[in-house]
Amino acid sequence: MIAADIGGQLGTTYEVANYPGFEMITGPDLVARFEAQAEQYGIDKLVGEQVVGLRENRDRKVVLTASGRELYGQALILATGAQKRKLGIPGENELAGRGVVYCSTCDGPLFKGDDIAIVGGGNSGLEAALEMAGVARRVYLIAEGELSGDRILIDKVEADSRIEVLTHHRPGEIRGGERVDALKVQNRETGEQRLLEVDGVFIEIGLTPNAGFAYDLLGANARGELEADPRGNTVAEGVFAAGDVTDNPSKQVVIAAASGANAALGLSSISSAGLDRRGRGSGFSAVPSQFDLACTSLSMRQAFHSSSCIKPRTARSRFIAS
């Protein structure tokens, strides 16, 4: 398993309220549980390495890292996740997880009865505003231009008295001490500034998949996501993809975990078949990742635990570094 860090988006999520088996758990605690469970299977880990390239060399896949290493494997699962696009304004990083959130579905219930601001005028922002209107006391929806999502969503937002829409407003600063207490915005047309007293700032301006290293081999859709079928198969045989890096529209921890399990089962099915139709070996060798731990660790657990899948001694990573 190759990873730049452990945890990805989940590692920076303050609280998770929608993962089965836990009424409430912090993101770092859930990551630690995933990692501890994965450790039981003797997985070889290479943490601190950034994957920068992926290519094929006859019967093997070659993973290239920023440090210059080349790692070889017969099959791969890409579970590199995605990054939320950030505003890049003062207070955003400092208050992340303490009122600054990037997922209304995940974190919305924590703001019941609060005043919140949602930044984003596309479908993600509109859907978040409608969702949070039933949870929060007051919702401010901020867009730098006109609302740009589907007309049906715009109509619903504009008709909801609990949502105040501020078009042509640019977020300038998120303020707070222990937690968020205000968002400063500026009217782009008049220059007038306004301080919104809010308990949370939801940033819904899209995702950036961690997939650039694989584009030469696998390509991508218009959003930069890797295209994979329900079993995780990509356009390259023996290369699987799972979680938020894929074109699955639902970006949730539990869905990423299930996606990882599907990819592991798909991989194990070709592994148990021995050689594929071109006579190439298809054993489990490496999982390059930046890193969606929820997906990757559960996919490994599934692969190792099922009697129809690869056994640990067969599945352990075999890296050849140069």
C-alpha atoms as a PDB file:
ATOM      1  CA  MET A   1       0.000   0.000   0.000  1.00  0.00           C
ATOM      2  CA  ILE A   2       1.461   3.321  -1.101  1.00  0.00           C
ATOM      3  CA  ALA A   3       0.162   6.454   0.632  1.00  0.00           C
ATOM      4  CA  ALA A   4       1.241  10.062   0.942  1.00  0.00           C
ATOM      5  CA  ASP A   5      -0.614  10.233   4.249  1.00  0.00           C
ATOM      6  CA  ILE A   6      -3.091   8.249   6.294  1.00  0.00           C
ATOM      7  CA  GLY A   7      -6.704   9.321   6.315  1.00  0.00           C
ATOM      8  CA  GLY A   8      -7.367  11.686   3.437  1.00  0.00           C
ATOM      9  CA  GLN A   9     -10.581  13.707   3.742  1.00  0.00           C
ATOM     10  CA  LEU A  10     -11.807  11.501   6.570  1.00  0.00           C
ATOM     11  CA  GLY A  11      -8.735  12.291   8.643  1.00  0.00           C
ATOM     12  CA  THR A  12      -9.701  15.966   8.708  1.00  0.00           C
ATOM     13  CA  THR A  13     -13.410  15.468   9.385  1.00  0.00           C
ATOM     14  CA  TYR A  14     -14.252  16.551  12.913  1.00  0.00           C
ATOM     15  CA  GLU A  15     -17.279  14.299  13.488  1.00  0.00           C
ATOM     16  CA  VAL A  16     -18.924  11.532  11.456  1.00  0.00           C
ATOM     17  CA  ALA A  17     -22.580  10.832  12.211  1.00  0.00           C
ATOM     18  CA  ASN A  18     -23.582   8.564   9.329  1.00  0.00           C
ATOM     19  CA  TYR A  19     -21.173   5.604   9.384  1.00  0.00           C
ATOM     20  CA  PRO A  20     -22.854   2.292  10.343  1.00  0.00           C
ATOM     21  CA  GLY A  21     -22.091   1.090  13.835  1.00  0.00           C
ATOM     22  CA  PHE A  22     -21.212   4.515  15.246  1.00  0.00           C
ATOM     23  CA  GLU A  23     -23.748   7.023  16.479  1.00  0.00           C
ATOM     24  CA  MET A  24     -20.970   9.611  16.451  1.00  0.00           C
ATOM     25  CA  ILE A  25     -17.225   9.294  15.921  1.00  0.00           C
ATOM     26  CA  THR A  26     -14.469  11.684  14.918  1.00  0.00           C
ATOM     27  CA  GLY A  27     -12.841  11.240  11.530  1.00  0.00           C
ATOM     28  CA  PRO A  28      -9.352  10.604  12.982  1.00  0.00           C
ATOM     29  CA  ASP A  29     -10.754   7.969  15.379  1.00  0.00           C
ATOM     30  CA  LEU A  30     -12.486   6.165  12.520  1.00  0.00           C
ATOM     31  CA  VAL A  31      -9.284   6.297  10.458  1.00  0.00           C
ATOM     32  CA  ALA A  32      -7.356   4.796  13.388  1.00  0.00           C
ATOM     33  CA  ARG A  33      -9.840   1.928  13.630  1.00  0.00           C
ATOM     34  CA  PHE A  34      -9.585   1.258   9.899  1.00  0.00           C
ATOM     35  CA  GLU A  35      -5.807   1.279  10.052  1.00  0.00           C
ATOM     36  CA  ALA A  36      -5.661  -1.015  13.087  1.00  0.00           C
ATOM     37  CA  GLN A  37      -7.947  -3.500  11.356  1.00  0.00           C
ATOM     38  CA  ALA A  38      -5.849  -3.423   8.177  1.00  0.00           C
ATOM     39  CA  GLU A  39      -2.687  -4.013  10.225  1.00  0.00           C
ATOM     40  CA  GLN A  40      -4.026  -7.416  11.285  1.00  0.00           C
ATOM     41  CA  TYR A  41      -3.384  -8.707   7.778  1.00  0.00           C
ATOM     42  CA  GLY A  42       0.296  -7.832   7.578  1.00  0.00           C
ATOM     43  CA  ILE A  43      -0.066  -5.310   4.789  1.00  0.00           C
ATOM     44  CA  ASP A  44       3.197  -3.847   3.545  1.00  0.00           C
ATOM     45  CA  LYS A  45       2.940  -0.057   3.756  1.00  0.00           C
ATOM     46  CA  LEU A  46       4.927   2.693   2.093  1.00  0.00           C
ATOM     47  CA  VAL A  47       3.684   5.881   3.748  1.00  0.00           C
ATOM     48  CA  GLY A  48       5.001   9.320   2.831  1.00  0.00           C
ATOM     49  CA  GLU A  49       5.358   8.594  -0.874  1.00  0.00           C
ATOM     50  CA  GLN A  50       3.423  10.660  -3.423  1.00  0.00           C
ATOM     51  CA  VAL A  51       2.367   8.727  -6.520  1.00  0.00           C
ATOM     52  CA  VAL A  52       3.068  10.815  -9.628  1.00  0.00           C
ATOM     53  CA  GLY A  53       2.714   8.357 -12.494  1.00  0.00           C
ATOM     54  CA  LEU A  54       1.270   5.049 -13.636  1.00  0.00           C
ATOM     55  CA  ARG A  55       2.137   3.012 -16.713  1.00  0.00           C
ATOM     56  CA  GLU A  56       2.182  -0.519 -18.059  1.00  0.00           C
ATOM     57  CA  ASN A  57       5.319  -2.497 -18.827  1.00  0.00           C
ATOM     58  CA  ARG A  58       4.312  -5.683 -20.631  1.00  0.00           C
ATOM     59  CA  ASP A  59       2.711  -7.890 -17.962  1.00  0.00           C
ATOM     60  CA  ARG A  60       3.165  -5.492 -15.059  1.00  0.00           C
ATOM     61  CA  LYS A  61       1.880  -2.135 -13.856  1.00  0.00           C
ATOM     62  CA  VAL A  62       4.507   0.402 -12.847  1.00  0.00           C
ATOM     63  CA  VAL A  63       3.822   2.972 -10.126  1.00  0.00           C
ATOM     64  CA  LEU A  64       6.117   6.013 -10.111  1.00  0.00           C
ATOM     65  CA  THR A  65       6.658   8.088  -6.967  1.00  0.00           C
ATOM     66  CA  ALA A  66       7.868  11.644  -6.424  1.00  0.00           C
ATOM     67  CA  SER A  67      11.068  10.334  -4.813  1.00  0.00           C
ATOM     68  CA  GLY A  68      11.991   8.491  -8.014  1.00  0.00           C
ATOM     69  CA  ARG A  69      10.989   4.986  -6.989  1.00  0.00           C
ATOM     70  CA  GLU A  70       9.390   2.541  -9.414  1.00  0.00           C
ATOM     71  CA  LEU A  71       7.121  -0.087  -7.893  1.00  0.00           C
ATOM     72  CA  TYR A  72       5.905  -3.024  -9.944  1.00  0.00           C
ATOM     73  CA  GLY A  73       2.714  -5.017  -9.591  1.00  0.00           C
ATOM     74  CA  GLN A  74       0.437  -7.283 -11.579  1.00  0.00           C
ATOM     75  CA  ALA A  75      -2.750  -5.634 -10.305  1.00  0.00           C
ATOM     76  CA  LEU A  76      -3.673  -2.375  -8.620  1.00  0.00           C
ATOM     77  CA  ILE A  77      -6.527  -0.752  -6.753  1.00  0.00           C
ATOM     78  CA  LEU A  78      -6.548   3.036  -7.014  1.00  0.00           C
ATOM     79  CA  ALA A  79      -8.297   4.487  -3.969  1.00  0.00           C
ATOM     80  CA  THR A  80      -6.795   7.957  -4.010  1.00  0.00           C
ATOM     81  CA  GLY A  81      -9.961   9.869  -3.114  1.00  0.00           C
ATOM     82  CA  ALA A  82     -10.616  13.513  -3.862  1.00  0.00           C
ATOM     83  CA  GLN A  83      -9.996  16.888  -2.330  1.00  0.00           C
ATOM     84  CA  LYS A  84     -12.697  19.453  -1.679  1.00  0.00           C
ATOM     85  CA  ARG A  85     -12.027  22.620  -3.592  1.00  0.00           C
ATOM     86  CA  LYS A  86     -11.168  25.338  -1.135  1.00  0.00           C
ATOM     87  CA  LEU A  87     -11.946  29.037  -1.052  1.00  0.00           C
ATOM     88  CA  GLY A  88      -8.423  30.005  -0.062  1.00  0.00           C
ATOM     89  CA  ILE A  89      -9.523  32.776   2.290  1.00  0.00           C
ATOM     90  CA  PRO A  90      -8.321  33.674   5.812  1.00  0.00           C
ATOM     91  CA  GLY A  91      -9.777  31.483   8.535  1.00  0.00           C
ATOM     92  CA  GLU A  92     -10.669  28.552   6.281  1.00  0.00           C
ATOM     93  CA  ASN A  93      -7.803  26.267   7.228  1.00  0.00           C
ATOM     94  CA  GLU A  94      -7.634  27.464  10.821  1.00  0.00           C
ATOM     95  CA  LEU A  95     -11.320  26.661  11.469  1.00  0.00           C
ATOM     96  CA  ALA A  96     -11.596  23.513   9.352  1.00  0.00           C
ATOM     97  CA  GLY A  97     -13.593  20.947  11.304  1.00  0.00           C
ATOM     98  CA  ARG A  98     -14.650  23.639  13.783  1.00  0.00           C
ATOM     99  CA  GLY A  99     -17.467  25.145  11.807  1.00  0.00           C
ATOM    100  CA  VAL A 100     -15.880  25.079   8.360  1.00  0.00           C
ATOM    101  CA  VAL A 101     -17.173  21.938   6.663  1.00  0.00           C
ATOM    102  CA  TYR A 102     -17.226  20.503   3.167  1.00  0.00           C
ATOM    103  CA  CYS A 103     -20.110  18.001   3.305  1.00  0.00           C
ATOM    104  CA  SER A 104     -23.656  18.987   4.244  1.00  0.00           C
ATOM    105  CA  THR A 105     -24.851  15.388   4.251  1.00  0.00           C
ATOM    106  CA  CYS A 106     -22.063  14.290   6.601  1.00  0.00           C
ATOM    107  CA  ASP A 107     -21.955  17.255   8.957  1.00  0.00           C
ATOM    108  CA  GLY A 108     -25.322  18.944   8.514  1.00  0.00           C
ATOM    109  CA  PRO A 109     -27.047  17.317  11.527  1.00  0.00           C
ATOM    110  CA  LEU A 110     -24.456  18.914  13.818  1.00  0.00           C
ATOM    111  CA  PHE A 111     -25.843  22.374  12.990  1.00  0.00           C
ATOM    112  CA  LYS A 112     -29.462  21.818  13.962  1.00  0.00           C
ATOM    113  CA  GLY A 113     -31.046  25.138  14.922  1.00  0.00           C
ATOM    114  CA  ASP A 114     -27.953  27.168  13.966  1.00  0.00           C
ATOM    115  CA  ASP A 115     -27.407  29.943  11.448  1.00  0.00           C
ATOM    116  CA  ILE A 116     -25.127  28.823   8.623  1.00  0.00           C
ATOM    117  CA  ALA A 117     -23.681  30.053   5.341  1.00  0.00           C
ATOM    118  CA  ILE A 118     -23.271  27.908   2.253  1.00  0.00           C
ATOM    119  CA  VAL A 119     -20.791  28.982  -0.421  1.00  0.00           C
ATOM    120  CA  GLY A 120     -21.506  27.734  -3.921  1.00  0.00           C
ATOM    121  CA  GLY A 121     -24.065  28.614  -6.571  1.00  0.00           C
ATOM    122  CA  GLY A 122     -24.066  25.343  -8.516  1.00  0.00           C
ATOM    123  CA  ASN A 123     -26.055  22.184  -7.910  1.00  0.00           C
ATOM    124  CA  SER A 124     -23.939  21.203  -4.885  1.00  0.00           C
ATOM    125  CA  GLY A 125     -24.615  24.498  -3.158  1.00  0.00           C
ATOM    126  CA  LEU A 126     -28.305  24.519  -4.075  1.00  0.00           C
ATOM    127  CA  GLU A 127     -28.843  20.967  -2.855  1.00  0.00           C
ATOM    128  CA  ALA A 128     -26.976  21.728   0.369  1.00  0.00           C
ATOM    129  CA  ALA A 129     -29.117  24.824   0.952  1.00  0.00           C
ATOM    130  CA  LEU A 130     -32.337  22.877   0.505  1.00  0.00           C
ATOM    131  CA  GLU A 131     -31.071  20.085   2.741  1.00  0.00           C
ATOM    132  CA  MET A 132     -29.912  22.442   5.474  1.00  0.00           C
ATOM    133  CA  ALA A 133     -33.073  24.574   5.349  1.00  0.00           C
ATOM    134  CA  GLY A 134     -34.772  21.713   7.181  1.00  0.00           C
ATOM    135  CA  VAL A 135     -32.019  21.513   9.796  1.00  0.00           C
ATOM    136  CA  ALA A 136     -30.613  24.975  10.438  1.00  0.00           C
ATOM    137  CA  ARG A 137     -32.524  28.015  11.696  1.00  0.00           C
ATOM    138  CA  ARG A 138     -31.283  30.264   8.911  1.00  0.00           C
ATOM    139  CA  VAL A 139     -29.343  29.571   5.710  1.00  0.00           C
ATOM    140  CA  TYR A 140     -27.355  32.116   3.700  1.00  0.00           C
ATOM    141  CA  LEU A 141     -26.459  30.919   0.183  1.00  0.00           C
ATOM    142  CA  ILE A 142     -23.520  32.836  -1.286  1.00  0.00           C
ATOM    143  CA  ALA A 143     -22.628  32.790  -4.979  1.00  0.00           C
ATOM    144  CA  GLU A 144     -20.004  34.922  -6.729  1.00  0.00           C
ATOM    145  CA  GLY A 145     -22.249  35.243  -9.785  1.00  0.00           C
ATOM    146  CA  GLU A 146     -25.785  34.190 -10.601  1.00  0.00           C
ATOM    147  CA  LEU A 147     -27.043  30.801  -9.424  1.00  0.00           C
ATOM    148  CA  SER A 148     -25.878  28.316 -12.036  1.00  0.00           C
ATOM    149  CA  GLY A 149     -27.508  25.008 -11.113  1.00  0.00           C
ATOM    150  CA  ASP A 150     -30.595  23.256 -12.438  1.00  0.00           C
ATOM    151  CA  ARG A 151     -33.630  25.481 -12.830  1.00  0.00           C
ATOM    152  CA  ILE A 152     -35.794  23.248 -10.642  1.00  0.00           C
ATOM    153  CA  LEU A 153     -33.306  23.585  -7.768  1.00  0.00           C
ATOM    154  CA  ILE A 154     -33.012  27.344  -8.205  1.00  0.00           C
ATOM    155  CA  ASP A 155     -36.801  27.691  -8.099  1.00  0.00           C
ATOM    156  CA  LYS A 156     -36.997  25.666  -4.889  1.00  0.00           C
ATOM    157  CA  VAL A 157     -34.263  27.692  -3.213  1.00  0.00           C
ATOM    158  CA  GLU A 158     -35.776  31.029  -4.206  1.00  0.00           C
ATOM    159  CA  ALA A 159     -39.167  29.910  -2.917  1.00  0.00           C
ATOM    160  CA  ASP A 160     -37.850  28.879   0.515  1.00  0.00           C
ATOM    161  CA  SER A 161     -38.172  31.703   3.047  1.00  0.00           C
ATOM    162  CA  ARG A 162     -35.551  30.094   5.290  1.00  0.00           C
ATOM    163  CA  ILE A 163     -32.853  30.652   2.652  1.00  0.00           C
ATOM    164  CA  GLU A 164     -31.401  34.097   1.926  1.00  0.00           C
ATOM    165  CA  VAL A 165     -29.617  34.127  -1.429  1.00  0.00           C
ATOM    166  CA  LEU A 166     -26.681  36.505  -1.864  1.00  0.00           C
ATOM    167  CA  THR A 167     -25.638  36.472  -5.517  1.00  0.00           C
ATOM    168  CA  HIS A 168     -22.612  38.421  -6.749  1.00  0.00           C
ATOM    169  CA  HIS A 169     -21.051  38.176  -3.291  1.00  0.00           C
ATOM    170  CA  ARG A 170     -17.494  37.002  -2.666  1.00  0.00           C
ATOM    171  CA  PRO A 171     -16.455  35.405   0.654  1.00  0.00           C
ATOM    172  CA  GLY A 172     -13.555  37.301   2.146  1.00  0.00           C
ATOM    173  CA  GLU A 173     -12.811  35.948   5.626  1.00  0.00           C
ATOM    174  CA  ILE A 174     -14.074  33.335   8.072  1.00  0.00           C
ATOM    175  CA  ARG A 175     -13.879  34.517  11.661  1.00  0.00           C
ATOM    176  CA  GLY A 176     -13.977  32.704  14.968  1.00  0.00           C
ATOM    177  CA  GLY A 177     -12.065  31.538  18.024  1.00  0.00           C
ATOM    178  CA  GLU A 178     -12.697  27.979  19.110  1.00  0.00           C
ATOM    179  CA  ARG A 179     -15.405  27.750  16.436  1.00  0.00           C
ATOM    180  CA  VAL A 180     -16.744  29.783  13.521  1.00  0.00           C
ATOM    181  CA  ASP A 181     -18.785  32.813  14.531  1.00  0.00           C
ATOM    182  CA  ALA A 182     -18.929  34.939  11.357  1.00  0.00           C
ATOM    183  CA  LEU A 183     -18.319  35.121   7.605  1.00  0.00           C
ATOM    184  CA  LYS A 184     -17.374  38.373   5.899  1.00  0.00           C
ATOM    185  CA  VAL A 185     -18.653  38.784   2.328  1.00  0.00           C
ATOM    186  CA  GLN A 186     -18.395  41.568  -0.227  1.00  0.00           C
ATOM    187  CA  ASN A 187     -20.859  42.575  -2.915  1.00  0.00           C
ATOM    188  CA  ARG A 188     -18.884  42.393  -6.147  1.00  0.00           C
ATOM    189  CA  GLU A 189     -21.040  45.013  -7.839  1.00  0.00           C
ATOM    190  CA  THR A 190     -21.200  47.683  -5.134  1.00  0.00           C
ATOM    191  CA  GLY A 191     -18.155  46.853  -2.999  1.00  0.00           C
ATOM    192  CA  GLU A 192     -20.333  46.844   0.126  1.00  0.00           C
ATOM    193  CA  GLN A 193     -19.137  44.467   2.850  1.00  0.00           C
ATOM    194  CA  ARG A 194     -21.370  42.501   5.177  1.00  0.00           C
ATOM    195  CA  LEU A 195     -20.598  40.403   8.244  1.00  0.00           C
ATOM    196  CA  LEU A 196     -22.847  37.356   8.556  1.00  0.00           C
ATOM    197  CA  GLU A 197     -23.063  35.989  12.087  1.00  0.00           C
ATOM    198  CA  VAL A 198     -23.085  32.239  11.503  1.00  0.00           C
ATOM    199  CA  ASP A 199     -22.127  29.080  13.350  1.00  0.00           C
ATOM    200  CA  GLY A 200     -20.973  27.197  10.279  1.00  0.00           C
ATOM    201  CA  VAL A 201     -19.628  27.782   6.782  1.00  0.00           C
ATOM    202  CA  PHE A 202     -20.358  25.012   4.283  1.00  0.00           C
ATOM    203  CA  ILE A 203     -18.082  25.128   1.254  1.00  0.00           C
ATOM    204  CA  GLU A 204     -19.769  23.467  -1.725  1.00  0.00           C
ATOM    205  CA  ILE A 205     -17.727  24.459  -4.762  1.00  0.00           C
ATOM    206  CA  GLY A 206     -16.889  20.983  -6.026  1.00  0.00           C
ATOM    207  CA  LEU A 207     -14.252  18.272  -5.756  1.00  0.00           C
ATOM    208  CA  THR A 208     -10.865  17.734  -7.321  1.00  0.00           C
ATOM    209  CA  PRO A 209     -10.107  13.997  -7.800  1.00  0.00           C
ATOM    210  CA  ASN A 210      -6.613  12.834  -6.848  1.00  0.00           C
ATOM    211  CA  ALA A 211      -6.209  11.173 -10.213  1.00  0.00           C
ATOM    212  CA  GLY A 212      -3.811  13.208 -12.329  1.00  0.00           C
ATOM    213  CA  PHE A 213      -1.068  10.593 -12.079  1.00  0.00           C
ATOM    214  CA  ALA A 214      -3.296   8.027 -13.839  1.00  0.00           C
ATOM    215  CA  TYR A 215      -4.709  10.092 -16.702  1.00  0.00           C
ATOM    216  CA  ASP A 216      -2.129   8.980 -19.275  1.00  0.00           C
ATOM    217  CA  LEU A 217      -3.078   5.337 -18.782  1.00  0.00           C
ATOM    218  CA  LEU A 218      -6.761   5.508 -17.823  1.00  0.00           C
ATOM    219  CA  GLY A 219      -8.113   8.815 -19.065  1.00  0.00           C
ATOM    220  CA  ALA A 220     -10.926  10.544 -17.145  1.00  0.00           C
ATOM    221  CA  ASN A 221     -14.385  12.025 -17.518  1.00  0.00           C
ATOM    222  CA  ALA A 222     -15.105  15.755 -17.846  1.00  0.00           C
ATOM    223  CA  ARG A 223     -14.812  16.178 -14.050  1.00  0.00           C
ATOM    224  CA  GLY A 224     -11.406  14.518 -13.913  1.00  0.00           C
ATOM    225  CA  GLU A 225     -12.779  11.349 -12.267  1.00  0.00           C
ATOM    226  CA  LEU A 226     -11.661   7.835 -13.189  1.00  0.00           C
ATOM    227  CA  GLU A 227     -14.400   5.835 -14.889  1.00  0.00           C
ATOM    228  CA  ALA A 228     -15.038   2.461 -13.259  1.00  0.00           C
ATOM    229  CA  ASP A 229     -17.817  -0.110 -13.467  1.00  0.00           C
ATOM    230  CA  PRO A 230     -19.633  -1.408 -10.332  1.00  0.00           C
ATOM    231  CA  ARG A 231     -16.828  -3.911  -9.697  1.00  0.00           C
ATOM    232  CA  GLY A 232     -14.166  -1.237  -9.973  1.00  0.00           C
ATOM    233  CA  ASN A 233     -12.827  -2.236 -13.395  1.00  0.00           C
ATOM    234  CA  THR A 234     -11.195   0.574 -15.372  1.00  0.00           C
ATOM    235  CA  VAL A 235     -10.234   0.659 -19.038  1.00  0.00           C
ATOM    236  CA  ALA A 236      -6.923  -1.022 -18.188  1.00  0.00           C
ATOM    237  CA  GLU A 237      -7.168  -4.692 -17.312  1.00  0.00           C
ATOM    238  CA  GLY A 238      -5.963  -5.402 -13.798  1.00  0.00           C
ATOM    239  CA  VAL A 239      -6.327  -1.770 -12.695  1.00  0.00           C
ATOM    240  CA  PHE A 240      -9.275  -1.131 -10.387  1.00  0.00           C
ATOM    241  CA  ALA A 241     -10.543   2.138  -8.931  1.00  0.00           C
ATOM    242  CA  ALA A 242     -12.695   2.761  -5.869  1.00  0.00           C
ATOM    243  CA  GLY A 243     -14.135   5.567  -3.777  1.00  0.00           C
ATOM    244  CA  ASP A 244     -14.228   9.298  -4.405  1.00  0.00           C
ATOM    245  CA  VAL A 245     -11.658   9.194  -7.206  1.00  0.00           C
ATOM    246  CA  THR A 246     -14.210   7.423  -9.420  1.00  0.00           C
ATOM    247  CA  ASP A 247     -17.255   8.681 -11.330  1.00  0.00           C
ATOM    248  CA  ASN A 248     -19.635   7.391  -8.655  1.00  0.00           C
ATOM    249  CA  PRO A 249     -21.699  10.526  -7.908  1.00  0.00           C
ATOM    250  CA  SER A 250     -22.224   9.712  -4.210  1.00  0.00           C
ATOM    251  CA  LYS A 251     -19.233  10.873  -2.179  1.00  0.00           C
ATOM    252  CA  GLN A 252     -19.703   9.290   1.255  1.00  0.00           C
ATOM    253  CA  VAL A 253     -17.393   7.334   3.551  1.00  0.00           C
ATOM    254  CA  VAL A 254     -19.681   4.302   3.672  1.00  0.00           C
ATOM    255  CA  ILE A 255     -20.086   4.299  -0.115  1.00  0.00           C
ATOM    256  CA  ALA A 256     -16.319   4.571  -0.592  1.00  0.00           C
ATOM    257  CA  ALA A 257     -15.866   1.608   1.753  1.00  0.00           C
ATOM    258  CA  ALA A 258     -18.382  -0.478  -0.196  1.00  0.00           C
ATOM    259  CA  SER A 259     -16.733   0.580  -3.438  1.00  0.00           C
ATOM    260  CA  GLY A 260     -13.380  -0.596  -2.101  1.00  0.00           C
ATOM    261  CA  ALA A 261     -14.855  -3.959  -1.121  1.00  0.00           C
ATOM    262  CA  ASN A 262     -16.314  -4.342  -4.620  1.00  0.00           C
ATOM    263  CA  ALA A 263     -12.958  -3.557  -6.194  1.00  0.00           C
ATOM    264  CA  ALA A 264     -11.190  -6.086  -3.950  1.00  0.00           C
ATOM    265  CA  LEU A 265     -13.718  -8.768  -4.850  1.00  0.00           C
ATOM    266  CA  GLY A 266     -13.289  -7.967  -8.530  1.00  0.00           C
ATOM    267  CA  LEU A 267      -9.534  -8.175  -8.178  1.00  0.00           C
ATOM    268  CA  SER A 268      -9.682 -11.422  -6.231  1.00  0.00           C
ATOM    269  CA  SER A 269     -11.883 -13.007  -8.874  1.00  0.00           C
ATOM    270  CA  ILE A 270      -9.281 -12.472 -11.583  1.00  0.00           C
ATOM    271  CA  SER A 271      -6.512 -13.511  -9.191  1.00  0.00           C
ATOM    272  CA  SER A 272      -8.196 -16.822  -8.426  1.00  0.00           C
ATOM    273  CA  ALA A 273      -8.475 -17.442 -12.166  1.00  0.00           C
ATOM    274  CA  GLY A 274      -4.693 -17.410 -12.427  1.00  0.00           C
ATOM    275  CA  LEU A 275      -3.685 -16.149 -15.864  1.00  0.00           C
ATOM    276  CA  ASP A 276      -6.013 -13.976 -17.889  1.00  0.00           C
ATOM    277  CA  ARG A 277      -6.865 -14.493 -21.541  1.00  0.00           C
ATOM    278  CA  ARG A 278      -3.617 -12.885 -22.625  1.00  0.00           C
ATOM    279  CA  GLY A 279      -1.594 -15.166 -20.378  1.00  0.00           C
ATOM    280  CA  ARG A 280      -0.710 -12.472 -17.889  1.00  0.00           C
ATOM    281  CA  GLY A 281      -0.541 -13.100 -14.175  1.00  0.00           C
ATOM    282  CA  SER A 282      -3.059 -11.151 -12.136  1.00  0.00           C
ATOM    283  CA  GLY A 283      -2.029 -11.419  -8.514  1.00  0.00           C
ATOM    284  CA  PHE A 284      -2.572  -8.616  -5.979  1.00  0.00           C
ATOM    285  CA  SER A 285       0.634  -6.643  -5.749  1.00  0.00           C
ATOM    286  CA  ALA A 286       0.165  -2.986  -4.880  1.00  0.00           C
ATOM    287  CA  VAL A 287      -2.416  -0.392  -3.979  1.00  0.00           C
ATOM    288  CA  PRO A 288      -1.164   3.095  -4.883  1.00  0.00           C
ATOM    289  CA  SER A 289      -2.992   5.754  -2.931  1.00  0.00           C
ATOM    290  CA  GLN A 290      -2.877   9.317  -1.645  1.00  0.00           C
ATOM    291  CA  PHE A 291      -5.151   7.989   0.270  1.00  0.00           C
ATOM    292  CA  ASP A 292      -8.802   7.110   0.842  1.00  0.00           C
ATOM    293  CA  LEU A 293      -8.215   4.870   3.880  1.00  0.00           C
ATOM    294  CA  ALA A 294     -11.859   4.002   4.383  1.00  0.00           C
ATOM    295  CA  CYS A 295     -11.975   2.558   0.918  1.00  0.00           C
ATOM    296  CA  THR A 296      -8.554   0.996   0.792  1.00  0.00           C
ATOM    297  CA  SER A 297      -8.455  -0.649   4.197  1.00  0.00           C
ATOM    298  CA  LEU A 298     -11.922  -2.095   3.888  1.00  0.00           C
ATOM    299  CA  SER A 299     -11.196  -3.381   0.425  1.00  0.00           C
ATOM    300  CA  MET A 300      -8.138  -5.171   1.797  1.00  0.00           C
ATOM    301  CA  ARG A 301     -10.119  -6.522   4.725  1.00  0.00           C
ATOM    302  CA  GLN A 302     -12.715  -7.880   2.330  1.00  0.00           C
ATOM    303  CA  ALA A 303     -10.095  -9.424   0.068  1.00  0.00           C
ATOM    304  CA  PHE A 304      -8.280 -11.103   2.921  1.00  0.00           C
ATOM    305  CA  HIS A 305     -11.313 -12.189   4.917  1.00  0.00           C
ATOM    306  CA  SER A 306     -13.416 -13.871   2.237  1.00  0.00           C
ATOM    307  CA  SER A 307     -12.759 -17.546   1.619  1.00  0.00           C
ATOM    308  CA  SER A 308     -13.160 -16.944  -2.110  1.00  0.00           C
ATOM    309  CA  CYS A 309     -10.489 -14.236  -2.143  1.00  0.00           C
ATOM    310  CA  ILE A 310      -6.729 -14.160  -1.964  1.00  0.00           C
ATOM    311  CA  LYS A 311      -5.095 -15.328   1.250  1.00  0.00           C
ATOM    312  CA  PRO A 312      -2.758 -12.963   3.113  1.00  0.00           C
ATOM    313  CA  ARG A 313       0.482 -14.659   2.179  1.00  0.00           C
ATOM    314  CA  THR A 314      -0.489 -14.583  -1.512  1.00  0.00           C
ATOM    315  CA  ALA A 315      -1.861 -11.080  -1.432  1.00  0.00           C
ATOM    316  CA  ARG A 316       0.924  -9.297   0.362  1.00  0.00           C
ATOM    317  CA  SER A 317       2.470  -6.470  -1.626  1.00  0.00           C
ATOM    318  CA  ARG A 318       5.568  -7.366  -3.590  1.00  0.00           C
ATOM    319  CA  PHE A 319       7.389  -4.136  -4.372  1.00  0.00           C
ATOM    320  CA  ILE A 320      10.464  -3.914  -6.514  1.00  0.00           C
ATOM    321  CA  ALA A 321      12.104  -0.534  -5.959  1.00  0.00           C
ATOM    322  CA  SER A 322      14.830   0.940  -8.062  1.00  0.00           C
END
